[in-house]
Each structure stands twice: as structure tokens, then as C-alpha cells.
Amino acid sequence: MSFPSTELEAPGPYVREALDNTVRLQIAHAESFPHDLLEQLRDSFAIGHGGFQLVGTPEQVADGITALHEAGFGGTTLSFVDYVEEFPYFRDNVLPILEERGIRRPAAVAVAG
């Protein structure tokens, strides 16, 4: 199993309209952006409401979190498409990589400390 890809099926007309409205509400003067940038923004909002997307293998997701850490972020909020299914996979496969890299304290230490 890996995390969802960023490949999107072509959205239906109502989805497209909702995405266009989201882009307009979130980004002032979005209509003045180049067409290809608007398409990229629309896709980004469809996948993760414009957030930093962490998709791929556990190593790729850990690499993304490592990049955030190296950029100076002390923490972040994560969301999942299907939390009940995906969080245990994240916990079991990504968190150990982050612990090995020293970015996350082991769970036993975090609870005790």
C-alpha cells in the first residue's frame, strides 16, 4: 500500500464549478493568473485544499516531512483521505522512518517526557 497518488480523474461540471469557486475565494484576483497556473491550483485544491501534499511511498512521505523540518517547521497538521484506513499505515510505516531520522521522538519517550 502507498498513499494516494495526485492523479485526478477529470472532474464533473459541479466539481469543476466548486473548485473554481474555491480558487476564487482563496486567491484574490485568481482570474488574472495564467491558465496553466489556475489549472495547477485547481488540482491542488481538489487533492488537498491547497495544502502541502504528501503522497507516495512511506519513504517519499517521510522525505516530504523531512523537507518541512529542514525548512524550519516545528510541526504540522496532517489530514488523510480515509483516516481510519490510512492513519494506521502512516503510524506503522512513516513514523518509524521519522524516528530513525531523529525528527520524531519514539512514542514511549513522547508519552513519558
Foldseek 3Di string as FASTA:
>chain_A
DWADDLDDDDDDPVLLVVLVVLCCVVPPPVVVDDPVVSVVSSSCCVVPNVDDDQTDHLVSNLVSVVVVVVVPDLDDDDDGPDCVPPVVVNVVRNVVVCCVVVSDPPPVVVVVD
